[in-house]
Amino acid sequence: MCPIQVVACTGQLEIRFRTWGGRRRGAGRKPSGRKIGVRHGPRPPHERWHPVHVTLRARPALPSLREERLVLALRRGLAKGSRVAFRILHFSIQTDHVHLMVEAEDRRALSRGLQGLGIRLAKAVNGVLGRRGRVWADRFHARALKTPREVRNGLVYVLQNWRKHLSGVGGIDPCSSAPWFTGWRNASSLMSGPPPVSPPRTWLAAVGWQRHGLIGPDEAPATPKTSRRVSRRG
């Protein structure tokens, strides 16, 4: 039974019932200040002819993923990550995240392929470090690339991402699939031997992006300012 409060009012009694619940000022969990990651909503539909740019972000407590022992372990895991319906085309390993460009036959193949890959890579990292527990800080972030220009920009972003994070670097990133990439203007530094990635099957990833020219080893991902400048020129 709810407690009551009796209040005297000009010749009559007013009875107020105290209740719990409902919206109250100052109620609820206080903000933690932690940056919110990938929203946990339904994934958008996936079309198999659109390559996808994917980002996997590592937990803060881990050492740099660009350590040689971790790069080798991650590269081996990536080389085993492709399937008939899910293919890894390109990758780059940065200090605390991994960029990928992938193809998938449908949304289910994309989701399952990336989930399985995330588990495989996490086991590789934990095996090298001799630890247990989570490696990735959040769900993967995925963005479909729907035009030749978007795919070319995505290739530059993935393969040359180290130029965004490391000052003074030049050439192509050894911690990526760039040494096996055949779309450079200058192909003198290509790596011999079997590549750790799969050849593209979509027109956009195999041929379409080349409408805007091959990629120079001195190119870098566009900053927001340069992106706006290019869009105004276009």
Protein backbone atom coordinates (compact mmCIF):
# COMPACT_ATOMS: atom_id res chain seq x y z
CA MET A 1 0.00 0.00 0.00
CA CYS A 2 1.39 3.40 -1.01
CA PRO A 3 2.03 5.93 1.82
CA ILE A 4 -0.06 9.08 1.68
CA GLN A 5 0.54 12.71 2.61
CA VAL A 6 -2.28 14.81 4.01
CA VAL A 7 -2.19 18.55 3.27
CA ALA A 8 -4.58 21.10 4.77
CA CYS A 9 -6.24 23.34 2.19
CA THR A 10 -8.82 26.08 2.93
CA GLY A 11 -11.41 24.08 4.74
CA GLN A 12 -10.76 20.70 3.16
CA LEU A 13 -8.12 18.01 3.16
CA GLU A 14 -6.09 17.17 0.05
CA ILE A 15 -4.64 13.70 -0.14
CA ARG A 16 -1.54 13.23 -2.30
CA PHE A 17 -0.46 9.69 -3.12
CA ARG A 18 3.29 9.12 -3.39
CA THR A 19 4.32 6.92 -6.29
CA TRP A 20 7.54 5.57 -7.73
CA GLY A 21 8.73 5.43 -11.35
CA GLY A 22 8.15 7.80 -14.20
CA ARG A 23 10.32 10.66 -15.37
CA ARG A 24 12.08 12.53 -12.58
CA ARG A 25 14.57 15.36 -12.71
CA GLY A 26 18.16 14.16 -12.27
CA ALA A 27 17.22 10.49 -12.53
CA GLY A 28 19.03 7.94 -14.68
CA ARG A 29 22.63 6.92 -15.31
CA LYS A 30 25.06 9.82 -15.41
CA PRO A 31 27.26 10.34 -18.52
CA SER A 32 30.56 8.50 -18.25
CA GLY A 33 32.39 10.63 -20.79
CA ARG A 34 33.37 7.52 -22.74
CA LYS A 35 33.23 7.80 -26.52
CA ILE A 36 30.32 5.88 -27.98
CA GLY A 37 31.35 3.28 -30.56
CA VAL A 38 29.43 1.70 -33.42
CA ARG A 39 25.68 1.95 -32.89
CA HIS A 40 23.99 -1.39 -32.21
CA GLY A 41 21.28 -1.10 -34.83
CA PRO A 42 20.36 -3.29 -37.79
CA ARG A 43 22.94 -3.36 -40.57
CA PRO A 44 21.91 -1.77 -43.89
CA PRO A 45 21.20 -4.07 -46.86
CA HIS A 46 24.27 -5.24 -48.76
CA GLU A 47 24.54 -5.51 -52.55
CA ARG A 48 27.11 -8.03 -53.74
CA TRP A 49 28.49 -5.75 -56.47
CA HIS A 50 29.51 -3.10 -53.90
CA PRO A 51 32.89 -3.53 -52.15
CA VAL A 52 32.87 -2.64 -48.46
CA HIS A 53 35.36 -0.64 -46.40
CA VAL A 54 35.62 -2.17 -42.92
CA THR A 55 37.35 -0.95 -39.76
CA LEU A 56 38.21 -3.09 -36.73
CA ARG A 57 39.34 -1.08 -33.69
CA ALA A 58 41.48 -2.66 -30.96
CA ARG A 59 41.11 -2.20 -27.21
CA PRO A 60 43.30 0.55 -25.69
CA ALA A 61 45.29 -1.76 -23.39
CA LEU A 62 46.93 -3.67 -26.25
CA PRO A 63 50.40 -2.89 -27.64
CA SER A 64 50.81 -1.53 -31.15
CA LEU A 65 49.45 -3.90 -33.78
CA ARG A 66 52.31 -2.78 -36.04
CA GLU A 67 54.84 -4.73 -34.01
CA GLU A 68 56.47 -7.22 -36.37
CA ARG A 69 55.30 -10.29 -34.45
CA LEU A 70 51.70 -9.06 -34.48
CA VAL A 71 51.80 -8.00 -38.13
CA LEU A 72 52.96 -11.48 -39.14
CA ALA A 73 50.27 -13.16 -37.05
CA LEU A 74 47.53 -10.86 -38.36
CA ARG A 75 48.70 -11.32 -41.94
CA ARG A 76 48.50 -15.10 -41.58
CA GLY A 77 45.00 -14.78 -40.15
CA LEU A 78 43.90 -12.47 -42.96
CA ALA A 79 45.31 -14.87 -45.57
CA LYS A 80 43.01 -17.60 -44.18
CA GLY A 81 39.96 -15.36 -43.77
CA SER A 82 38.51 -15.43 -47.30
CA ARG A 83 35.72 -17.78 -48.33
CA VAL A 84 33.73 -18.40 -51.50
CA ALA A 85 31.06 -15.89 -50.46
CA PHE A 86 33.38 -13.55 -48.54
CA ARG A 87 36.68 -12.22 -49.85
CA ILE A 88 39.35 -9.96 -48.32
CA LEU A 89 40.74 -7.76 -51.11
CA HIS A 90 43.03 -5.34 -49.24
CA PHE A 91 44.11 -4.55 -45.68
CA SER A 92 46.34 -2.29 -43.62
CA ILE A 93 47.38 -2.74 -40.00
CA GLN A 94 47.68 0.44 -37.98
CA THR A 95 48.70 1.03 -34.36
CA ASP A 96 45.25 0.38 -32.85
CA HIS A 97 43.01 -0.57 -35.77
CA VAL A 98 42.82 -2.57 -38.99
CA HIS A 99 41.33 -1.37 -42.27
CA LEU A 100 39.92 -3.81 -44.81
CA MET A 101 38.28 -3.78 -48.20
CA VAL A 102 36.10 -6.84 -48.71
CA GLU A 103 33.49 -8.33 -51.03
CA ALA A 104 30.55 -10.50 -49.99
CA GLU A 105 27.72 -12.19 -51.83
CA ASP A 106 25.03 -10.97 -49.43
CA ARG A 107 24.51 -9.36 -46.03
CA ARG A 108 24.61 -12.69 -44.21
CA ALA A 109 27.93 -13.64 -45.84
CA LEU A 110 29.35 -10.22 -44.99
CA SER A 111 28.28 -10.41 -41.35
CA ARG A 112 29.39 -14.00 -40.80
CA GLY A 113 32.64 -13.48 -42.69
CA LEU A 114 33.60 -10.47 -40.60
CA GLN A 115 32.54 -12.09 -37.33
CA GLY A 116 34.62 -15.17 -38.11
CA LEU A 117 37.54 -13.02 -39.20
CA GLY A 118 37.36 -10.95 -36.02
CA ILE A 119 37.55 -14.13 -33.92
CA ARG A 120 40.42 -15.51 -35.98
CA LEU A 121 42.46 -12.31 -35.70
CA ALA A 122 41.73 -11.97 -31.98
CA LYS A 123 43.03 -15.49 -31.38
CA ALA A 124 46.14 -14.66 -33.41
CA VAL A 125 46.84 -11.55 -31.34
CA ASN A 126 46.19 -13.31 -28.02
CA GLY A 127 48.39 -16.22 -29.06
CA VAL A 128 51.34 -13.92 -29.70
CA LEU A 129 50.82 -11.90 -26.52
CA GLY A 130 50.05 -14.90 -24.31
CA ARG A 131 46.83 -13.35 -23.05
CA ARG A 132 43.11 -14.05 -22.99
CA GLY A 133 40.11 -11.80 -23.41
CA ARG A 134 38.71 -9.38 -25.90
CA VAL A 135 40.89 -7.79 -28.57
CA TRP A 136 38.42 -5.60 -30.48
CA ALA A 137 36.86 -2.65 -28.71
CA ASP A 138 33.57 -2.68 -30.59
CA ARG A 139 31.64 -4.13 -33.50
CA PHE A 140 33.13 -3.68 -36.94
CA HIS A 141 32.29 -0.52 -38.85
CA ALA A 142 31.33 -1.11 -42.49
CA ARG A 143 30.66 1.30 -45.36
CA ALA A 144 29.61 0.25 -48.86
CA LEU A 145 31.53 1.75 -51.79
CA LYS A 146 29.09 2.28 -54.64
CA THR A 147 30.94 4.24 -57.34
CA PRO A 148 34.34 4.03 -59.08
CA ARG A 149 35.43 7.23 -57.31
CA GLU A 150 34.41 5.90 -53.89
CA VAL A 151 36.29 2.64 -54.49
CA ARG A 152 39.44 4.47 -55.60
CA ASN A 153 39.26 6.75 -52.56
CA GLY A 154 38.72 3.66 -50.41
CA LEU A 155 41.81 2.00 -51.87
CA VAL A 156 43.94 5.05 -51.08
CA TYR A 157 42.47 5.24 -47.59
CA VAL A 158 43.12 1.56 -46.80
CA LEU A 159 46.50 1.07 -48.47
CA GLN A 160 47.99 4.47 -47.58
CA ASN A 161 46.42 4.95 -44.16
CA TRP A 162 49.83 5.01 -42.48
CA ARG A 163 50.49 8.39 -44.10
CA LYS A 164 47.53 9.71 -42.09
CA HIS A 165 48.93 8.52 -38.74
CA LEU A 166 52.73 8.55 -39.18
CA SER A 167 54.62 11.67 -40.19
CA GLY A 168 57.50 11.54 -42.65
CA VAL A 169 56.75 8.11 -44.14
CA GLY A 170 56.93 7.52 -47.87
CA GLY A 171 56.42 4.77 -50.39
CA ILE A 172 54.03 1.95 -49.58
CA ASP A 173 53.13 0.49 -46.20
CA PRO A 174 54.85 -2.83 -45.42
CA CYS A 175 52.17 -3.55 -42.77
CA SER A 176 49.48 -3.80 -45.43
CA SER A 177 48.62 -5.62 -48.64
CA ALA A 178 50.11 -2.70 -50.61
CA PRO A 179 53.23 -4.68 -51.65
CA TRP A 180 50.96 -7.09 -53.55
CA PHE A 181 48.66 -4.41 -55.03
CA THR A 182 48.91 -4.21 -58.83
CA GLY A 183 47.19 -0.84 -59.26
CA TRP A 184 50.19 1.39 -58.52
CA ARG A 185 51.48 3.76 -61.19
CA ASN A 186 54.96 2.55 -60.37
CA ALA A 187 54.96 -1.20 -59.78
CA SER A 188 58.71 -1.58 -59.13
CA SER A 189 58.22 -2.46 -55.44
CA LEU A 190 55.72 -5.30 -55.84
CA MET A 191 56.18 -8.31 -53.58
CA SER A 192 56.77 -11.73 -55.08
CA GLY A 193 55.07 -14.83 -53.78
CA PRO A 194 51.41 -15.63 -53.10
CA PRO A 195 49.41 -12.63 -51.87
CA PRO A 196 47.60 -12.78 -48.50
CA VAL A 197 44.43 -11.41 -50.12
CA SER A 198 41.92 -12.57 -52.74
CA PRO A 199 41.53 -11.10 -56.25
CA PRO A 200 38.43 -8.92 -56.68
CA ARG A 201 35.38 -10.24 -58.51
CA THR A 202 33.22 -7.13 -58.62
CA TRP A 203 33.58 -4.75 -61.56
CA LEU A 204 34.05 -1.77 -59.23
CA ALA A 205 36.98 -3.29 -57.34
CA ALA A 206 38.63 -4.96 -60.33
CA VAL A 207 38.24 -2.43 -63.17
CA GLY A 208 35.81 0.40 -62.44
CA TRP A 209 37.98 2.39 -60.02
CA GLN A 210 40.73 2.66 -62.67
CA ARG A 211 38.55 5.12 -64.60
CA HIS A 212 40.01 7.74 -62.28
CA GLY A 213 43.62 6.66 -62.77
CA LEU A 214 46.09 4.33 -61.10
CA ILE A 215 47.29 5.18 -57.58
CA GLY A 216 50.58 6.92 -56.95
CA PRO A 217 52.71 5.74 -54.01
CA ASP A 218 52.89 9.36 -52.83
CA GLU A 219 49.09 9.70 -52.45
CA ALA A 220 47.54 9.97 -49.00
CA PRO A 221 43.98 9.80 -47.63
CA ALA A 222 42.16 13.09 -48.09
CA THR A 223 41.58 15.23 -45.02
CA PRO A 224 38.14 16.83 -44.49
CA LYS A 225 39.47 20.15 -45.84
CA THR A 226 40.87 18.65 -49.02
CA SER A 227 37.71 16.58 -49.47
CA ARG A 228 35.56 19.73 -49.37
CA ARG A 229 37.94 21.49 -51.75
CA VAL A 230 37.77 18.64 -54.27
CA SER A 231 33.97 18.48 -54.03
CA ARG A 232 33.68 22.24 -54.71
CA ARG A 233 35.93 21.91 -57.75
CA GLY A 234 33.85 19.01 -59.00
